[in-house]
Amino acid sequence: MPEFIPGLELSRLYYWEVVRPILYQHFPGLHHAAALIGPGSEVLGFDTEMSMDHHWFPRVQIFLQDSDKELGAQIHEILRWKLPPTFMNFPLHLEEIPDEPGIYLMVQKDSAPFEHNIYPQTVREFNARHLCWNDDQIFTAADWLAAPSKILRSITSGAVHHDDIGELTELRKQLQWYPQDVWLYLLLQVGTGLVMRNT
């Protein structure tokens, strides 16, 4: 196995050295964001050498403007043919583990096409998938209380490598911490729970 490098750093290098040059060659002037957020131990900085044996590989997320979302499938397909076989000795071809849907392993493959994990999306689509939230609406107190804290943490952790559309940066800023009234309510629930357990 290649020498371990923390997933966030690997993601940053992967974007700037491999993915970004391909995007700018085939989609010059494309406004987008690139990040590593959401599920994954590497997003929180908890990945170790042991992480490399199970659903761990160079990865980056590409976010498009709503007006460019139709380019997502084209970008995915071009990357299948233009990615190199490896990056920093990590194979970029992925294969799903039998009997474990959605879990992938790096597999050495010497020629394109390569199956990879870059599916460009809009921030709106990301919100709908992870927060069940239509960002045309205000994120209400009920939305805050319905969103699992681990999901909120995974969105505000990780790293944004590039953002010239601003939407991803704004989302992370908006979700950085609870509004005061929601935070006080959560503290009250915790305090009430402690009182009940001690009586």
N, C-alpha and C. Protein backbone atom coordinates (compact mmCIF):
# COMPACT_ATOMS: atom_id res chain seq x y z
N MET A 1 0.84 -1.20 0.00
CA MET A 1 0.00 0.00 0.00
C MET A 1 0.87 1.25 0.00
N PRO A 2 0.40 2.32 -0.64
CA PRO A 2 1.15 3.58 -0.61
C PRO A 2 1.25 4.11 0.82
N GLU A 3 2.17 5.02 1.03
CA GLU A 3 2.32 5.63 2.35
C GLU A 3 1.09 6.48 2.67
N PHE A 4 0.61 6.37 3.90
CA PHE A 4 -0.59 7.10 4.31
C PHE A 4 -0.36 8.61 4.28
N ILE A 5 -1.38 9.33 3.82
CA ILE A 5 -1.42 10.77 3.90
C ILE A 5 -2.84 11.12 4.34
N PRO A 6 -3.03 12.03 5.29
CA PRO A 6 -4.39 12.35 5.75
C PRO A 6 -5.31 12.69 4.58
N GLY A 7 -6.53 12.20 4.65
CA GLY A 7 -7.46 12.33 3.54
C GLY A 7 -7.73 13.76 3.11
N LEU A 8 -7.78 14.69 4.06
CA LEU A 8 -8.03 16.09 3.68
C LEU A 8 -6.88 16.66 2.86
N GLU A 9 -5.67 16.35 3.24
CA GLU A 9 -4.51 16.82 2.47
C GLU A 9 -4.46 16.13 1.11
N LEU A 10 -4.76 14.84 1.09
CA LEU A 10 -4.78 14.11 -0.17
C LEU A 10 -5.84 14.69 -1.10
N SER A 11 -6.98 15.04 -0.56
CA SER A 11 -8.05 15.63 -1.35
C SER A 11 -7.61 16.97 -1.95
N ARG A 12 -6.96 17.79 -1.14
CA ARG A 12 -6.50 19.10 -1.63
C ARG A 12 -5.52 18.93 -2.79
N LEU A 13 -4.56 18.04 -2.63
CA LEU A 13 -3.57 17.82 -3.68
C LEU A 13 -4.22 17.21 -4.92
N TYR A 14 -5.12 16.30 -4.72
CA TYR A 14 -5.82 15.64 -5.82
C TYR A 14 -6.58 16.67 -6.67
N TYR A 15 -7.25 17.58 -5.99
CA TYR A 15 -7.98 18.61 -6.72
C TYR A 15 -7.04 19.51 -7.51
N TRP A 16 -6.04 20.10 -6.84
CA TRP A 16 -5.20 21.09 -7.49
C TRP A 16 -4.28 20.50 -8.55
N GLU A 17 -3.82 19.28 -8.34
CA GLU A 17 -2.84 18.71 -9.26
C GLU A 17 -3.44 17.84 -10.36
N VAL A 18 -4.64 17.31 -10.13
CA VAL A 18 -5.23 16.39 -11.12
C VAL A 18 -6.56 16.89 -11.65
N VAL A 19 -7.52 17.10 -10.76
CA VAL A 19 -8.89 17.39 -11.20
C VAL A 19 -9.02 18.79 -11.79
N ARG A 20 -8.48 19.77 -11.12
CA ARG A 20 -8.61 21.16 -11.62
C ARG A 20 -8.02 21.34 -13.01
N PRO A 21 -6.81 20.84 -13.29
CA PRO A 21 -6.29 21.00 -14.66
C PRO A 21 -7.19 20.38 -15.73
N ILE A 22 -7.81 19.25 -15.42
CA ILE A 22 -8.72 18.63 -16.39
C ILE A 22 -9.96 19.50 -16.59
N LEU A 23 -10.51 20.02 -15.49
CA LEU A 23 -11.67 20.90 -15.60
C LEU A 23 -11.37 22.13 -16.45
N TYR A 24 -10.22 22.74 -16.21
CA TYR A 24 -9.89 23.97 -16.92
C TYR A 24 -9.50 23.72 -18.37
N GLN A 25 -9.06 22.52 -18.68
CA GLN A 25 -8.77 22.18 -20.07
C GLN A 25 -10.05 21.99 -20.86
N HIS A 26 -11.02 21.32 -20.27
CA HIS A 26 -12.24 20.95 -21.00
C HIS A 26 -13.41 21.89 -20.74
N PHE A 27 -13.37 22.62 -19.63
CA PHE A 27 -14.44 23.56 -19.31
C PHE A 27 -13.82 24.88 -18.86
N PRO A 28 -13.11 25.56 -19.76
CA PRO A 28 -12.41 26.79 -19.36
C PRO A 28 -13.38 27.84 -18.82
N GLY A 29 -12.99 28.44 -17.72
CA GLY A 29 -13.82 29.48 -17.12
C GLY A 29 -14.98 28.96 -16.30
N LEU A 30 -15.05 27.65 -16.08
CA LEU A 30 -16.16 27.10 -15.31
C LEU A 30 -16.08 27.56 -13.86
N HIS A 31 -17.14 28.21 -13.39
CA HIS A 31 -17.21 28.59 -11.98
C HIS A 31 -17.70 27.39 -11.18
N HIS A 32 -17.01 27.10 -10.08
CA HIS A 32 -17.34 25.92 -9.30
C HIS A 32 -16.73 26.02 -7.91
N ALA A 33 -17.09 25.09 -7.07
CA ALA A 33 -16.43 24.92 -5.78
C ALA A 33 -15.91 23.50 -5.70
N ALA A 34 -14.84 23.32 -4.95
CA ALA A 34 -14.26 22.00 -4.73
C ALA A 34 -14.02 21.83 -3.24
N ALA A 35 -14.40 20.68 -2.71
CA ALA A 35 -14.33 20.50 -1.26
C ALA A 35 -14.29 19.02 -0.91
N LEU A 36 -14.08 18.78 0.37
CA LEU A 36 -14.29 17.46 0.95
C LEU A 36 -15.05 17.68 2.25
N ILE A 37 -16.36 17.46 2.18
CA ILE A 37 -17.23 17.62 3.34
C ILE A 37 -18.21 16.45 3.36
N GLY A 38 -19.04 16.37 4.40
CA GLY A 38 -20.02 15.31 4.49
C GLY A 38 -19.47 14.07 5.18
N PRO A 39 -20.05 12.90 4.90
CA PRO A 39 -19.65 11.67 5.60
C PRO A 39 -18.20 11.30 5.32
N GLY A 40 -17.57 10.64 6.29
CA GLY A 40 -16.21 10.15 6.11
C GLY A 40 -15.31 10.54 7.26
N SER A 41 -14.56 9.57 7.76
CA SER A 41 -13.67 9.86 8.89
C SER A 41 -12.62 10.90 8.54
N GLU A 42 -12.21 10.95 7.26
CA GLU A 42 -11.17 11.92 6.87
C GLU A 42 -11.68 13.35 6.94
N VAL A 43 -13.00 13.54 6.80
CA VAL A 43 -13.58 14.88 6.89
C VAL A 43 -13.33 15.47 8.27
N LEU A 44 -13.43 14.63 9.29
CA LEU A 44 -13.21 15.08 10.67
C LEU A 44 -11.76 14.95 11.10
N GLY A 45 -10.91 14.47 10.20
CA GLY A 45 -9.50 14.30 10.54
C GLY A 45 -9.23 13.09 11.40
N PHE A 46 -10.12 12.11 11.37
CA PHE A 46 -9.97 10.92 12.21
C PHE A 46 -9.37 9.73 11.46
N ASP A 47 -9.08 9.89 10.18
CA ASP A 47 -8.58 8.75 9.41
C ASP A 47 -7.13 8.44 9.78
N THR A 48 -6.79 7.17 9.70
CA THR A 48 -5.45 6.69 9.99
C THR A 48 -5.06 5.69 8.90
N GLU A 49 -3.89 5.09 9.06
CA GLU A 49 -3.47 4.07 8.10
C GLU A 49 -4.49 2.94 8.01
N MET A 50 -5.15 2.62 9.10
CA MET A 50 -6.14 1.54 9.09
C MET A 50 -7.34 1.90 8.21
N SER A 51 -7.59 3.19 8.03
CA SER A 51 -8.73 3.62 7.22
C SER A 51 -8.57 3.25 5.75
N MET A 52 -7.34 3.04 5.33
CA MET A 52 -7.07 2.85 3.92
C MET A 52 -7.59 1.53 3.36
N ASP A 53 -8.00 0.61 4.22
CA ASP A 53 -8.42 -0.70 3.71
C ASP A 53 -9.92 -0.77 3.43
N HIS A 54 -10.66 0.33 3.65
CA HIS A 54 -12.11 0.23 3.54
C HIS A 54 -12.72 1.58 3.18
N HIS A 55 -13.17 1.73 1.94
CA HIS A 55 -13.84 2.94 1.46
C HIS A 55 -13.03 4.21 1.77
N TRP A 56 -11.77 4.15 1.44
CA TRP A 56 -10.87 5.30 1.61
C TRP A 56 -10.05 5.41 0.34
N PHE A 57 -10.04 6.60 -0.26
CA PHE A 57 -9.34 6.79 -1.53
C PHE A 57 -9.26 8.30 -1.80
N PRO A 58 -8.45 8.73 -2.76
CA PRO A 58 -8.42 10.15 -3.09
C PRO A 58 -9.81 10.59 -3.56
N ARG A 59 -10.34 11.60 -2.93
CA ARG A 59 -11.66 12.05 -3.37
C ARG A 59 -11.84 13.54 -3.17
N VAL A 60 -12.70 14.10 -3.99
CA VAL A 60 -13.03 15.52 -3.92
C VAL A 60 -14.44 15.68 -4.46
N GLN A 61 -15.15 16.67 -3.95
CA GLN A 61 -16.49 16.96 -4.44
C GLN A 61 -16.45 18.24 -5.26
N ILE A 62 -17.16 18.23 -6.38
CA ILE A 62 -17.26 19.40 -7.24
C ILE A 62 -18.69 19.92 -7.18
N PHE A 63 -18.83 21.22 -6.90
CA PHE A 63 -20.13 21.87 -6.82
C PHE A 63 -20.26 22.88 -7.96
N LEU A 64 -21.38 22.81 -8.65
CA LEU A 64 -21.63 23.67 -9.79
C LEU A 64 -22.73 24.68 -9.47
N GLN A 65 -22.77 25.77 -10.25
CA GLN A 65 -23.90 26.68 -10.17
C GLN A 65 -25.14 26.00 -10.73
N ASP A 66 -26.31 26.43 -10.28
CA ASP A 66 -27.55 25.86 -10.79
C ASP A 66 -27.61 25.93 -12.31
N SER A 67 -27.10 27.02 -12.88
CA SER A 67 -27.17 27.20 -14.33
C SER A 67 -26.27 26.23 -15.08
N ASP A 68 -25.30 25.61 -14.38
CA ASP A 68 -24.36 24.69 -15.03
C ASP A 68 -24.58 23.23 -14.63
N LYS A 69 -25.67 22.95 -13.92
CA LYS A 69 -25.81 21.60 -13.36
C LYS A 69 -25.89 20.52 -14.44
N GLU A 70 -26.33 20.89 -15.64
CA GLU A 70 -26.41 19.91 -16.72
C GLU A 70 -25.03 19.45 -17.17
N LEU A 71 -23.99 20.18 -16.78
CA LEU A 71 -22.63 19.78 -17.14
C LEU A 71 -22.11 18.64 -16.27
N GLY A 72 -22.81 18.33 -15.20
CA GLY A 72 -22.32 17.34 -14.24
C GLY A 72 -22.01 16.00 -14.87
N ALA A 73 -22.91 15.49 -15.70
CA ALA A 73 -22.69 14.19 -16.33
C ALA A 73 -21.51 14.23 -17.29
N GLN A 74 -21.35 15.34 -18.02
CA GLN A 74 -20.22 15.47 -18.94
C GLN A 74 -18.89 15.48 -18.18
N ILE A 75 -18.85 16.22 -17.08
CA ILE A 75 -17.64 16.28 -16.28
C ILE A 75 -17.28 14.91 -15.75
N HIS A 76 -18.28 14.21 -15.24
CA HIS A 76 -18.03 12.85 -14.71
C HIS A 76 -17.44 11.95 -15.80
N GLU A 77 -18.01 12.02 -16.99
CA GLU A 77 -17.55 11.15 -18.08
C GLU A 77 -16.15 11.53 -18.55
N ILE A 78 -15.87 12.82 -18.67
CA ILE A 78 -14.53 13.24 -19.10
C ILE A 78 -13.48 12.78 -18.10
N LEU A 79 -13.80 12.87 -16.81
CA LEU A 79 -12.85 12.41 -15.80
C LEU A 79 -12.61 10.91 -15.90
N ARG A 80 -13.61 10.15 -16.30
CA ARG A 80 -13.42 8.70 -16.48
C ARG A 80 -12.30 8.42 -17.48
N TRP A 81 -12.18 9.29 -18.48
CA TRP A 81 -11.22 9.04 -19.56
C TRP A 81 -9.93 9.82 -19.39
N LYS A 82 -9.94 10.88 -18.61
CA LYS A 82 -8.76 11.75 -18.52
C LYS A 82 -7.98 11.62 -17.23
N LEU A 83 -8.56 11.00 -16.20
CA LEU A 83 -7.79 10.80 -14.97
C LEU A 83 -6.61 9.88 -15.24
N PRO A 84 -5.51 10.08 -14.53
CA PRO A 84 -4.38 9.13 -14.64
C PRO A 84 -4.71 7.85 -13.87
N PRO A 85 -3.97 6.78 -14.11
CA PRO A 85 -4.24 5.54 -13.38
C PRO A 85 -4.05 5.67 -11.88
N THR A 86 -3.06 6.50 -11.46
CA THR A 86 -2.77 6.65 -10.04
C THR A 86 -2.47 8.11 -9.73
N PHE A 87 -2.56 8.43 -8.46
CA PHE A 87 -2.11 9.73 -7.95
C PHE A 87 -1.40 9.48 -6.63
N MET A 88 -0.14 9.90 -6.54
CA MET A 88 0.68 9.66 -5.36
C MET A 88 0.69 8.17 -4.99
N ASN A 89 0.69 7.34 -6.01
CA ASN A 89 0.71 5.87 -5.90
C ASN A 89 -0.62 5.28 -5.45
N PHE A 90 -1.67 6.08 -5.31
CA PHE A 90 -2.99 5.58 -5.00
C PHE A 90 -3.75 5.32 -6.30
N PRO A 91 -4.25 4.10 -6.52
CA PRO A 91 -5.06 3.85 -7.72
C PRO A 91 -6.32 4.71 -7.70
N LEU A 92 -6.68 5.25 -8.85
CA LEU A 92 -7.87 6.09 -8.94
C LEU A 92 -9.09 5.34 -9.46
N HIS A 93 -8.90 4.09 -9.86
CA HIS A 93 -10.03 3.26 -10.29
C HIS A 93 -10.65 2.61 -9.06
N LEU A 94 -11.98 2.67 -8.96
CA LEU A 94 -12.69 2.14 -7.79
C LEU A 94 -13.61 1.01 -8.22
N GLU A 95 -13.72 0.00 -7.37
CA GLU A 95 -14.66 -1.08 -7.59
C GLU A 95 -15.45 -1.32 -6.31
N GLU A 96 -16.75 -1.55 -6.49
CA GLU A 96 -17.64 -1.77 -5.35
C GLU A 96 -17.38 -3.14 -4.75
N ILE A 97 -17.36 -3.20 -3.43
CA ILE A 97 -17.15 -4.47 -2.74
C ILE A 97 -18.39 -5.33 -2.88
N PRO A 98 -18.25 -6.57 -3.32
CA PRO A 98 -19.41 -7.46 -3.41
C PRO A 98 -20.13 -7.57 -2.07
N ASP A 99 -21.43 -7.52 -2.11
CA ASP A 99 -22.28 -7.65 -0.92
C ASP A 99 -22.19 -6.44 0.01
N GLU A 100 -21.51 -5.37 -0.41
CA GLU A 100 -21.47 -4.15 0.39
C GLU A 100 -21.77 -2.95 -0.51
N PRO A 101 -23.03 -2.76 -0.89
CA PRO A 101 -23.39 -1.67 -1.80
C PRO A 101 -22.91 -0.31 -1.30
N GLY A 102 -22.33 0.46 -2.20
CA GLY A 102 -21.88 1.80 -1.85
C GLY A 102 -20.53 1.87 -1.19
N ILE A 103 -19.87 0.73 -0.99
CA ILE A 103 -18.55 0.70 -0.38
C ILE A 103 -17.54 0.30 -1.46
N TYR A 104 -16.49 1.13 -1.62
CA TYR A 104 -15.56 0.93 -2.73
C TYR A 104 -14.13 0.71 -2.24
N LEU A 105 -13.36 0.05 -3.09
CA LEU A 105 -11.94 -0.15 -2.87
C LEU A 105 -11.16 0.37 -4.07
N MET A 106 -9.94 0.85 -3.82
CA MET A 106 -9.04 1.23 -4.90
C MET A 106 -8.51 -0.03 -5.57
N VAL A 107 -8.54 -0.05 -6.88
CA VAL A 107 -8.07 -1.21 -7.64
C VAL A 107 -7.14 -0.71 -8.76
N GLN A 108 -5.99 -1.32 -8.88
CA GLN A 108 -5.05 -0.92 -9.93
C GLN A 108 -5.62 -1.25 -11.32
N LYS A 109 -5.68 -0.24 -12.17
CA LYS A 109 -6.13 -0.41 -13.56
C LYS A 109 -5.25 0.51 -14.39
N ASP A 110 -4.70 0.00 -15.46
CA ASP A 110 -3.66 0.74 -16.17
C ASP A 110 -4.16 1.65 -17.28
N SER A 111 -5.40 1.51 -17.68
CA SER A 111 -5.88 2.34 -18.78
C SER A 111 -7.34 2.72 -18.56
N ALA A 112 -7.70 3.87 -19.14
CA ALA A 112 -9.07 4.37 -19.03
C ALA A 112 -10.03 3.46 -19.80
N PRO A 113 -11.32 3.51 -19.45
CA PRO A 113 -11.95 4.42 -18.49
C PRO A 113 -11.79 3.95 -17.05
N PHE A 114 -11.74 4.92 -16.13
CA PHE A 114 -11.64 4.63 -14.71
C PHE A 114 -12.95 4.99 -14.03
N GLU A 115 -13.41 4.11 -13.17
CA GLU A 115 -14.60 4.41 -12.37
C GLU A 115 -14.14 5.19 -11.14
N HIS A 116 -14.70 6.37 -10.98
CA HIS A 116 -14.27 7.25 -9.89
C HIS A 116 -15.49 7.71 -9.10
N ASN A 117 -15.27 8.57 -8.15
CA ASN A 117 -16.34 8.94 -7.23
C ASN A 117 -16.66 10.43 -7.29
N ILE A 118 -16.38 11.07 -8.42
CA ILE A 118 -16.65 12.50 -8.56
C ILE A 118 -17.93 12.69 -9.35
N TYR A 119 -18.98 13.05 -8.64
CA TYR A 119 -20.28 13.31 -9.26
C TYR A 119 -20.65 14.77 -9.00
N PRO A 120 -20.36 15.67 -9.92
CA PRO A 120 -20.65 17.09 -9.68
C PRO A 120 -22.12 17.31 -9.36
N GLN A 121 -22.34 18.23 -8.43
CA GLN A 121 -23.69 18.54 -7.98
C GLN A 121 -23.77 20.02 -7.64
N THR A 122 -24.96 20.51 -7.46
CA THR A 122 -25.13 21.89 -6.99
C THR A 122 -25.25 21.88 -5.47
N VAL A 123 -25.04 23.03 -4.87
CA VAL A 123 -25.20 23.14 -3.42
C VAL A 123 -26.65 22.84 -3.04
N ARG A 124 -27.57 23.25 -3.90
CA ARG A 124 -28.99 22.97 -3.66
C ARG A 124 -29.25 21.47 -3.59
N GLU A 125 -28.65 20.71 -4.51
CA GLU A 125 -28.81 19.26 -4.51
C GLU A 125 -28.16 18.64 -3.28
N PHE A 126 -27.02 19.16 -2.88
CA PHE A 126 -26.35 18.67 -1.68
C PHE A 126 -27.23 18.89 -0.45
N ASN A 127 -27.84 20.08 -0.36
CA ASN A 127 -28.72 20.38 0.76
C ASN A 127 -29.91 19.43 0.81
N ALA A 128 -30.50 19.18 -0.35
CA ALA A 128 -31.66 18.30 -0.40
C ALA A 128 -31.29 16.89 0.04
N ARG A 129 -30.10 16.45 -0.34
CA ARG A 129 -29.69 15.07 -0.03
C ARG A 129 -29.31 14.92 1.44
N HIS A 130 -28.58 15.88 1.99
CA HIS A 130 -28.03 15.71 3.33
C HIS A 130 -28.87 16.36 4.43
N LEU A 131 -29.60 17.43 4.08
CA LEU A 131 -30.37 18.15 5.10
C LEU A 131 -31.87 18.09 4.84
N CYS A 132 -32.28 17.50 3.71
CA CYS A 132 -33.70 17.50 3.33
C CYS A 132 -34.24 18.93 3.36
N TRP A 133 -33.44 19.84 2.82
CA TRP A 133 -33.75 21.27 2.91
C TRP A 133 -33.73 21.89 1.53
N ASN A 134 -34.80 22.60 1.21
CA ASN A 134 -34.86 23.41 0.00
C ASN A 134 -34.32 24.79 0.35
N ASP A 135 -33.14 25.13 -0.16
CA ASP A 135 -32.50 26.37 0.30
C ASP A 135 -33.13 27.63 -0.28
N ASP A 136 -34.27 27.50 -0.97
CA ASP A 136 -35.05 28.69 -1.31
C ASP A 136 -35.81 29.18 -0.08
N GLN A 137 -35.90 28.31 0.94
CA GLN A 137 -36.62 28.65 2.15
C GLN A 137 -35.64 28.96 3.28
N ILE A 138 -36.11 29.69 4.26
CA ILE A 138 -35.29 30.00 5.42
C ILE A 138 -35.09 28.73 6.24
N PHE A 139 -33.87 28.51 6.75
CA PHE A 139 -33.58 27.38 7.63
C PHE A 139 -34.15 27.73 9.00
N THR A 140 -35.29 27.15 9.32
CA THR A 140 -36.05 27.53 10.51
C THR A 140 -35.53 26.81 11.76
N ALA A 141 -36.08 27.20 12.91
CA ALA A 141 -35.74 26.52 14.16
C ALA A 141 -36.09 25.04 14.08
N ALA A 142 -37.21 24.72 13.43
CA ALA A 142 -37.60 23.31 13.27
C ALA A 142 -36.58 22.56 12.42
N ASP A 143 -36.04 23.22 11.40
CA ASP A 143 -35.00 22.59 10.56
C ASP A 143 -33.75 22.31 11.37
N TRP A 144 -33.35 23.28 12.20
CA TRP A 144 -32.18 23.09 13.05
C TRP A 144 -32.37 21.88 13.97
N LEU A 145 -33.55 21.77 14.56
CA LEU A 145 -33.80 20.69 15.52
C LEU A 145 -33.94 19.34 14.82
N ALA A 146 -34.36 19.35 13.55
CA ALA A 146 -34.53 18.10 12.82
C ALA A 146 -33.22 17.59 12.25
N ALA A 147 -32.24 18.47 12.07
CA ALA A 147 -30.97 18.09 11.45
C ALA A 147 -30.07 17.43 12.49
N PRO A 148 -29.64 16.18 12.29
CA PRO A 148 -28.73 15.55 13.25
C PRO A 148 -27.44 16.35 13.39
N SER A 149 -26.97 16.49 14.62
CA SER A 149 -25.76 17.29 14.85
C SER A 149 -24.56 16.72 14.11
N LYS A 150 -24.53 15.39 13.92
CA LYS A 150 -23.38 14.82 13.20
C LYS A 150 -23.39 15.22 11.73
N ILE A 151 -24.58 15.44 11.16
CA ILE A 151 -24.66 15.91 9.77
C ILE A 151 -24.18 17.35 9.69
N LEU A 152 -24.65 18.18 10.63
CA LEU A 152 -24.20 19.58 10.65
C LEU A 152 -22.69 19.66 10.82
N ARG A 153 -22.15 18.82 11.70
CA ARG A 153 -20.70 18.81 11.93
C ARG A 153 -19.95 18.40 10.66
N SER A 154 -20.47 17.42 9.94
CA SER A 154 -19.77 16.94 8.75
C SER A 154 -19.78 17.97 7.63
N ILE A 155 -20.77 18.85 7.62
CA ILE A 155 -20.83 19.88 6.58
C ILE A 155 -19.93 21.06 6.91
N THR A 156 -19.82 21.38 8.19
CA THR A 156 -18.99 22.53 8.58
C THR A 156 -17.54 22.13 8.85
N SER A 157 -17.25 20.83 8.88
CA SER A 157 -15.87 20.36 9.00
C SER A 157 -15.31 20.13 7.60
N GLY A 158 -14.23 19.39 7.52
CA GLY A 158 -13.62 19.14 6.22
C GLY A 158 -12.90 20.37 5.70
N ALA A 159 -12.91 20.54 4.39
CA ALA A 159 -12.17 21.66 3.80
C ALA A 159 -12.79 22.05 2.46
N VAL A 160 -12.77 23.33 2.20
CA VAL A 160 -13.12 23.85 0.87
C VAL A 160 -11.82 24.25 0.19
N HIS A 161 -11.53 23.61 -0.93
CA HIS A 161 -10.28 23.86 -1.63
C HIS A 161 -10.37 25.06 -2.57
N HIS A 162 -11.57 25.33 -3.06
CA HIS A 162 -11.78 26.40 -4.03
C HIS A 162 -13.27 26.71 -4.04
N ASP A 163 -13.62 27.98 -4.15
CA ASP A 163 -15.03 28.35 -4.25
C ASP A 163 -15.16 29.72 -4.89
N ASP A 164 -15.38 29.74 -6.19
CA ASP A 164 -15.60 31.03 -6.85
C ASP A 164 -17.08 31.23 -7.19
N ILE A 165 -17.96 30.38 -6.61
CA ILE A 165 -19.39 30.64 -6.72
C ILE A 165 -19.94 31.15 -5.40
N GLY A 166 -19.22 30.90 -4.31
CA GLY A 166 -19.58 31.45 -3.01
C GLY A 166 -20.65 30.71 -2.24
N GLU A 167 -21.42 29.86 -2.92
CA GLU A 167 -22.57 29.23 -2.27
C GLU A 167 -22.15 28.24 -1.19
N LEU A 168 -21.11 27.48 -1.44
CA LEU A 168 -20.68 26.49 -0.45
C LEU A 168 -20.11 27.16 0.79
N THR A 169 -19.32 28.18 0.58
CA THR A 169 -18.76 28.93 1.70
C THR A 169 -19.87 29.55 2.54
N GLU A 170 -20.88 30.08 1.88
CA GLU A 170 -22.00 30.70 2.58
C GLU A 170 -22.79 29.67 3.36
N LEU A 171 -23.00 28.48 2.78
CA LEU A 171 -23.72 27.42 3.49
C LEU A 171 -22.99 27.05 4.78
N ARG A 172 -21.69 26.84 4.68
CA ARG A 172 -20.92 26.43 5.86
C ARG A 172 -20.93 27.53 6.92
N LYS A 173 -20.90 28.78 6.49
CA LYS A 173 -20.96 29.90 7.44
C LYS A 173 -22.32 29.93 8.13
N GLN A 174 -23.38 29.69 7.37
CA GLN A 174 -24.73 29.71 7.92
C GLN A 174 -24.96 28.61 8.95
N LEU A 175 -24.31 27.45 8.73
CA LEU A 175 -24.53 26.30 9.61
C LEU A 175 -23.46 26.16 10.69
N GLN A 176 -22.59 27.16 10.83
CA GLN A 176 -21.46 27.04 11.73
C GLN A 176 -21.88 26.83 13.19
N TRP A 177 -22.96 27.49 13.58
CA TRP A 177 -23.44 27.29 14.96
C TRP A 177 -24.92 27.59 15.03
N TYR A 178 -25.57 27.03 16.06
CA TYR A 178 -27.00 27.19 16.23
C TYR A 178 -27.37 28.64 16.50
N PRO A 179 -28.55 29.08 16.04
CA PRO A 179 -29.08 30.38 16.49
C PRO A 179 -29.26 30.36 18.00
N GLN A 180 -29.22 31.51 18.62
CA GLN A 180 -29.24 31.59 20.08
C GLN A 180 -30.45 30.91 20.69
N ASP A 181 -31.64 31.11 20.09
CA ASP A 181 -32.84 30.52 20.70
C ASP A 181 -32.82 28.99 20.59
N VAL A 182 -32.30 28.47 19.48
CA VAL A 182 -32.21 27.02 19.32
C VAL A 182 -31.18 26.45 20.29
N TRP A 183 -30.06 27.14 20.44
CA TRP A 183 -29.00 26.69 21.35
C TRP A 183 -29.50 26.65 22.80
N LEU A 184 -30.23 27.68 23.21
CA LEU A 184 -30.78 27.71 24.57
C LEU A 184 -31.79 26.57 24.77
N TYR A 185 -32.58 26.30 23.75
CA TYR A 185 -33.55 25.20 23.84
C TYR A 185 -32.81 23.86 24.00
N LEU A 186 -31.76 23.64 23.23
CA LEU A 186 -30.99 22.39 23.32
C LEU A 186 -30.34 22.25 24.70
N LEU A 187 -29.82 23.36 25.22
CA LEU A 187 -29.24 23.33 26.57
C LEU A 187 -30.29 22.96 27.61
N LEU A 188 -31.49 23.49 27.43
CA LEU A 188 -32.58 23.18 28.35
C LEU A 188 -32.91 21.69 28.32
N GLN A 189 -32.92 21.13 27.11
CA GLN A 189 -33.22 19.70 26.98
C GLN A 189 -32.15 18.85 27.68
N VAL A 190 -30.90 19.23 27.50
CA VAL A 190 -29.82 18.51 28.15
C VAL A 190 -29.93 18.63 29.67
N GLY A 191 -30.18 19.87 30.15
CA GLY A 191 -30.31 20.09 31.58
C GLY A 191 -31.47 19.33 32.17
N THR A 192 -32.61 19.29 31.48
CA THR A 192 -33.79 18.58 31.95
C THR A 192 -33.50 17.09 32.02
N GLY A 193 -32.80 16.58 31.00
CA GLY A 193 -32.44 15.17 31.00
C GLY A 193 -31.55 14.80 32.17
N LEU A 194 -30.61 15.68 32.48
CA LEU A 194 -29.71 15.41 33.62
C LEU A 194 -30.49 15.40 34.93
N VAL A 195 -31.43 16.32 35.08
CA VAL A 195 -32.23 16.39 36.31
C VAL A 195 -33.07 15.12 36.46
N MET A 196 -33.69 14.69 35.35
CA MET A 196 -34.56 13.51 35.41
C MET A 196 -33.75 12.26 35.74
N ARG A 197 -32.52 12.15 35.22
CA ARG A 197 -31.73 10.95 35.48
C ARG A 197 -31.23 10.92 36.93
N ASN A 198 -31.17 12.09 37.57
CA ASN A 198 -30.65 12.16 38.93
C ASN A 198 -31.75 12.16 39.99
N THR A 199 -32.99 11.99 39.57
CA THR A 199 -34.08 11.98 40.55
C THR A 199 -34.64 10.57 40.70
